[in-house]
Amino acid sequence: MADDNREDMPDLSVRELKTEMDGRFLDLKTEMDGRFSELKAEMREEHVETRRHFDVVAKSLRGEIRLRLEGTDTRLDNHERRIQALEKRRR
């Protein structure tokens, strides 16, 4: 099979072959750079969307945590009053 491919290619000098290969590698590099640029752009878009979602979730959690802490403060105050009342009875 290698001989079949060789028949399709004209005889090239080493310098011509190198020039041909350099051109092909440059084309490949250009194509890959374009693909990576597209991938980076998609990743940036996803990052923005993920960050926006995270901010919404974090804001919601802050509100829930605040409500829980306020409820905890009230319960602690109630416990403190009960403990003080019990201590007064002991005296």
N, C-alpha and C. Protein backbone atom coordinates (compact mmCIF):
# COMPACT_ATOMS: atom_id res chain seq x y z
N MET A 1 0.80 -1.20 0.00
CA MET A 1 0.00 0.00 0.00
C MET A 1 0.85 1.27 0.00
N ALA A 2 1.95 1.22 0.72
CA ALA A 2 2.82 2.39 0.74
C ALA A 2 3.28 2.74 -0.66
N ASP A 3 3.48 1.73 -1.48
CA ASP A 3 3.89 1.98 -2.85
C ASP A 3 2.81 2.68 -3.65
N ASP A 4 1.52 2.36 -3.36
CA ASP A 4 0.42 3.02 -4.05
C ASP A 4 0.44 4.52 -3.79
N ASN A 5 0.64 4.92 -2.53
CA ASN A 5 0.68 6.33 -2.19
C ASN A 5 1.86 7.02 -2.86
N ARG A 6 2.94 6.32 -2.94
CA ARG A 6 4.15 6.89 -3.54
C ARG A 6 3.92 7.18 -5.03
N GLU A 7 3.14 6.37 -5.68
CA GLU A 7 2.88 6.59 -7.10
C GLU A 7 2.12 7.88 -7.35
N ASP A 8 1.27 8.27 -6.38
CA ASP A 8 0.47 9.49 -6.53
C ASP A 8 1.31 10.75 -6.32
N MET A 9 2.42 10.62 -5.64
CA MET A 9 3.24 11.78 -5.33
C MET A 9 4.39 11.87 -6.32
N PRO A 10 4.64 13.04 -6.81
CA PRO A 10 5.81 13.19 -7.69
C PRO A 10 7.08 13.06 -6.86
N ASP A 11 8.16 12.79 -7.52
CA ASP A 11 9.44 12.71 -6.81
C ASP A 11 9.81 14.11 -6.32
N LEU A 12 10.00 14.21 -5.01
CA LEU A 12 10.33 15.50 -4.41
C LEU A 12 11.71 15.43 -3.79
N SER A 13 12.42 16.54 -3.84
CA SER A 13 13.69 16.59 -3.13
C SER A 13 13.38 16.74 -1.64
N VAL A 14 14.38 16.54 -0.84
CA VAL A 14 14.21 16.67 0.61
C VAL A 14 13.73 18.08 0.95
N ARG A 15 14.32 19.07 0.32
CA ARG A 15 13.95 20.46 0.58
C ARG A 15 12.49 20.71 0.19
N GLU A 16 12.08 20.19 -0.98
CA GLU A 16 10.70 20.37 -1.42
C GLU A 16 9.73 19.64 -0.49
N LEU A 17 10.12 18.45 -0.07
CA LEU A 17 9.29 17.68 0.86
C LEU A 17 9.14 18.43 2.18
N LYS A 18 10.25 18.99 2.67
CA LYS A 18 10.20 19.75 3.91
C LYS A 18 9.29 20.96 3.76
N THR A 19 9.40 21.66 2.67
CA THR A 19 8.56 22.83 2.41
C THR A 19 7.09 22.42 2.37
N GLU A 20 6.80 21.30 1.69
CA GLU A 20 5.43 20.79 1.61
C GLU A 20 4.90 20.44 3.00
N MET A 21 5.71 19.74 3.77
CA MET A 21 5.29 19.34 5.12
C MET A 21 5.12 20.56 6.02
N ASP A 22 6.03 21.53 5.93
CA ASP A 22 5.90 22.75 6.73
C ASP A 22 4.58 23.45 6.42
N GLY A 23 4.23 23.50 5.13
CA GLY A 23 2.96 24.13 4.73
C GLY A 23 1.77 23.39 5.30
N ARG A 24 1.82 22.06 5.24
CA ARG A 24 0.71 21.27 5.80
C ARG A 24 0.60 21.44 7.31
N PHE A 25 1.75 21.44 7.99
CA PHE A 25 1.72 21.64 9.45
C PHE A 25 1.19 23.03 9.80
N LEU A 26 1.57 24.03 9.01
CA LEU A 26 1.07 25.38 9.25
C LEU A 26 -0.45 25.43 9.06
N ASP A 27 -0.95 24.76 8.00
CA ASP A 27 -2.40 24.69 7.80
C ASP A 27 -3.09 24.01 8.98
N LEU A 28 -2.49 22.91 9.44
CA LEU A 28 -3.06 22.17 10.57
C LEU A 28 -3.05 23.04 11.83
N LYS A 29 -1.94 23.74 12.06
CA LYS A 29 -1.85 24.61 13.24
C LYS A 29 -2.91 25.71 13.17
N THR A 30 -3.09 26.30 12.00
CA THR A 30 -4.10 27.35 11.83
C THR A 30 -5.49 26.80 12.12
N GLU A 31 -5.77 25.61 11.61
CA GLU A 31 -7.08 24.98 11.86
C GLU A 31 -7.27 24.69 13.34
N MET A 32 -6.25 24.14 13.98
CA MET A 32 -6.34 23.82 15.41
C MET A 32 -6.49 25.09 16.25
N ASP A 33 -5.76 26.15 15.90
CA ASP A 33 -5.89 27.41 16.62
C ASP A 33 -7.33 27.92 16.54
N GLY A 34 -7.94 27.81 15.36
CA GLY A 34 -9.32 28.23 15.19
C GLY A 34 -10.26 27.41 16.05
N ARG A 35 -10.05 26.11 16.08
CA ARG A 35 -10.91 25.24 16.90
C ARG A 35 -10.75 25.55 18.39
N PHE A 36 -9.51 25.76 18.81
CA PHE A 36 -9.28 26.09 20.22
C PHE A 36 -9.89 27.44 20.58
N SER A 37 -9.84 28.38 19.66
CA SER A 37 -10.46 29.69 19.91
C SER A 37 -11.97 29.54 20.10
N GLU A 38 -12.58 28.71 19.25
CA GLU A 38 -14.02 28.46 19.40
C GLU A 38 -14.31 27.80 20.74
N LEU A 39 -13.49 26.82 21.11
CA LEU A 39 -13.68 26.12 22.38
C LEU A 39 -13.53 27.09 23.56
N LYS A 40 -12.53 27.95 23.49
CA LYS A 40 -12.34 28.94 24.57
C LYS A 40 -13.54 29.87 24.67
N ALA A 41 -14.09 30.28 23.55
CA ALA A 41 -15.26 31.16 23.56
C ALA A 41 -16.45 30.45 24.19
N GLU A 42 -16.66 29.18 23.84
CA GLU A 42 -17.74 28.41 24.45
C GLU A 42 -17.54 28.27 25.96
N MET A 43 -16.30 28.04 26.36
CA MET A 43 -16.01 27.89 27.79
C MET A 43 -16.28 29.20 28.53
N ARG A 44 -15.92 30.33 27.91
CA ARG A 44 -16.20 31.63 28.54
C ARG A 44 -17.70 31.83 28.71
N GLU A 45 -18.48 31.49 27.68
CA GLU A 45 -19.93 31.63 27.76
C GLU A 45 -20.49 30.75 28.88
N GLU A 46 -20.01 29.52 28.97
CA GLU A 46 -20.47 28.61 30.03
C GLU A 46 -20.07 29.15 31.40
N HIS A 47 -18.86 29.72 31.47
CA HIS A 47 -18.40 30.29 32.74
C HIS A 47 -19.34 31.41 33.21
N VAL A 48 -19.71 32.28 32.28
CA VAL A 48 -20.61 33.39 32.62
C VAL A 48 -21.95 32.84 33.11
N GLU A 49 -22.48 31.85 32.40
CA GLU A 49 -23.77 31.26 32.79
C GLU A 49 -23.67 30.56 34.15
N THR A 50 -22.60 29.80 34.34
CA THR A 50 -22.41 29.10 35.62
C THR A 50 -22.26 30.10 36.76
N ARG A 51 -21.51 31.16 36.53
CA ARG A 51 -21.31 32.18 37.57
C ARG A 51 -22.63 32.85 37.93
N ARG A 52 -23.45 33.15 36.92
CA ARG A 52 -24.74 33.78 37.15
C ARG A 52 -25.63 32.84 37.99
N HIS A 53 -25.64 31.55 37.64
CA HIS A 53 -26.43 30.57 38.38
C HIS A 53 -25.93 30.47 39.82
N PHE A 54 -24.61 30.41 39.98
CA PHE A 54 -24.03 30.32 41.32
C PHE A 54 -24.42 31.53 42.16
N ASP A 55 -24.36 32.72 41.58
CA ASP A 55 -24.72 33.93 42.32
C ASP A 55 -26.17 33.89 42.79
N VAL A 56 -27.08 33.39 41.93
CA VAL A 56 -28.49 33.28 42.31
C VAL A 56 -28.64 32.30 43.48
N VAL A 57 -27.98 31.16 43.38
CA VAL A 57 -28.06 30.16 44.45
C VAL A 57 -27.46 30.71 45.74
N ALA A 58 -26.32 31.37 45.65
CA ALA A 58 -25.68 31.92 46.84
C ALA A 58 -26.56 32.97 47.51
N LYS A 59 -27.20 33.82 46.71
CA LYS A 59 -28.09 34.84 47.28
C LYS A 59 -29.27 34.19 48.00
N SER A 60 -29.82 33.17 47.40
CA SER A 60 -30.93 32.44 48.01
C SER A 60 -30.49 31.80 49.33
N LEU A 61 -29.31 31.19 49.32
CA LEU A 61 -28.80 30.55 50.53
C LEU A 61 -28.55 31.57 51.64
N ARG A 62 -28.04 32.73 51.27
CA ARG A 62 -27.82 33.77 52.28
C ARG A 62 -29.12 34.12 52.99
N GLY A 63 -30.18 34.25 52.20
CA GLY A 63 -31.48 34.56 52.79
C GLY A 63 -31.96 33.45 53.71
N GLU A 64 -31.81 32.21 53.28
CA GLU A 64 -32.24 31.08 54.12
C GLU A 64 -31.40 30.99 55.38
N ILE A 65 -30.12 31.20 55.27
CA ILE A 65 -29.24 31.15 56.44
C ILE A 65 -29.61 32.26 57.42
N ARG A 66 -29.87 33.44 56.89
CA ARG A 66 -30.26 34.56 57.75
C ARG A 66 -31.53 34.22 58.52
N LEU A 67 -32.53 33.65 57.83
CA LEU A 67 -33.78 33.27 58.50
C LEU A 67 -33.52 32.22 59.58
N ARG A 68 -32.69 31.25 59.28
CA ARG A 68 -32.38 30.21 60.27
C ARG A 68 -31.67 30.81 61.49
N LEU A 69 -30.74 31.72 61.24
CA LEU A 69 -30.02 32.33 62.36
C LEU A 69 -30.95 33.17 63.21
N GLU A 70 -31.87 33.88 62.58
CA GLU A 70 -32.83 34.67 63.35
C GLU A 70 -33.68 33.76 64.22
N GLY A 71 -34.10 32.62 63.67
CA GLY A 71 -34.87 31.65 64.45
C GLY A 71 -34.04 31.07 65.57
N THR A 72 -32.76 30.85 65.33
CA THR A 72 -31.87 30.32 66.37
C THR A 72 -31.70 31.33 67.48
N ASP A 73 -31.55 32.60 67.13
CA ASP A 73 -31.43 33.64 68.15
C ASP A 73 -32.65 33.65 69.06
N THR A 74 -33.83 33.55 68.46
CA THR A 74 -35.07 33.55 69.24
C THR A 74 -35.10 32.34 70.15
N ARG A 75 -34.77 31.16 69.63
CA ARG A 75 -34.77 29.95 70.46
C ARG A 75 -33.75 30.06 71.59
N LEU A 76 -32.57 30.60 71.29
CA LEU A 76 -31.56 30.75 72.34
C LEU A 76 -32.03 31.71 73.41
N ASP A 77 -32.69 32.80 72.98
CA ASP A 77 -33.24 33.74 73.96
C ASP A 77 -34.26 33.04 74.84
N ASN A 78 -35.13 32.23 74.23
CA ASN A 78 -36.13 31.49 75.01
C ASN A 78 -35.47 30.54 75.99
N HIS A 79 -34.44 29.82 75.55
CA HIS A 79 -33.72 28.91 76.45
C HIS A 79 -33.05 29.68 77.58
N GLU A 80 -32.48 30.81 77.25
CA GLU A 80 -31.80 31.63 78.27
C GLU A 80 -32.80 32.07 79.33
N ARG A 81 -33.99 32.51 78.89
CA ARG A 81 -35.02 32.93 79.86
C ARG A 81 -35.45 31.76 80.74
N ARG A 82 -35.62 30.60 80.17
CA ARG A 82 -36.02 29.43 80.95
C ARG A 82 -34.94 29.06 81.97
N ILE A 83 -33.69 29.09 81.53
CA ILE A 83 -32.59 28.76 82.44
C ILE A 83 -32.54 29.77 83.59
N GLN A 84 -32.69 31.04 83.27
CA GLN A 84 -32.68 32.07 84.32
C GLN A 84 -33.83 31.86 85.28
N ALA A 85 -35.00 31.50 84.77
CA ALA A 85 -36.15 31.25 85.65
C ALA A 85 -35.89 30.05 86.57
N LEU A 86 -35.28 29.01 86.02
CA LEU A 86 -34.95 27.83 86.83
C LEU A 86 -33.92 28.17 87.90
N GLU A 87 -32.94 28.98 87.54
CA GLU A 87 -31.91 29.36 88.51
C GLU A 87 -32.51 30.21 89.62
N LYS A 88 -33.47 31.06 89.32
CA LYS A 88 -34.12 31.89 90.34
C LYS A 88 -34.88 31.00 91.31
N ARG A 89 -35.53 29.93 90.82
CA ARG A 89 -36.27 29.02 91.69
C ARG A 89 -35.36 28.30 92.66
N ARG A 90 -34.15 27.98 92.23
CA ARG A 90 -33.21 27.25 93.09
C ARG A 90 -32.73 28.10 94.25
N ARG A 91 -32.71 29.37 94.07
CA ARG A 91 -32.14 30.25 95.12
C ARG A 91 -33.04 30.42 96.24
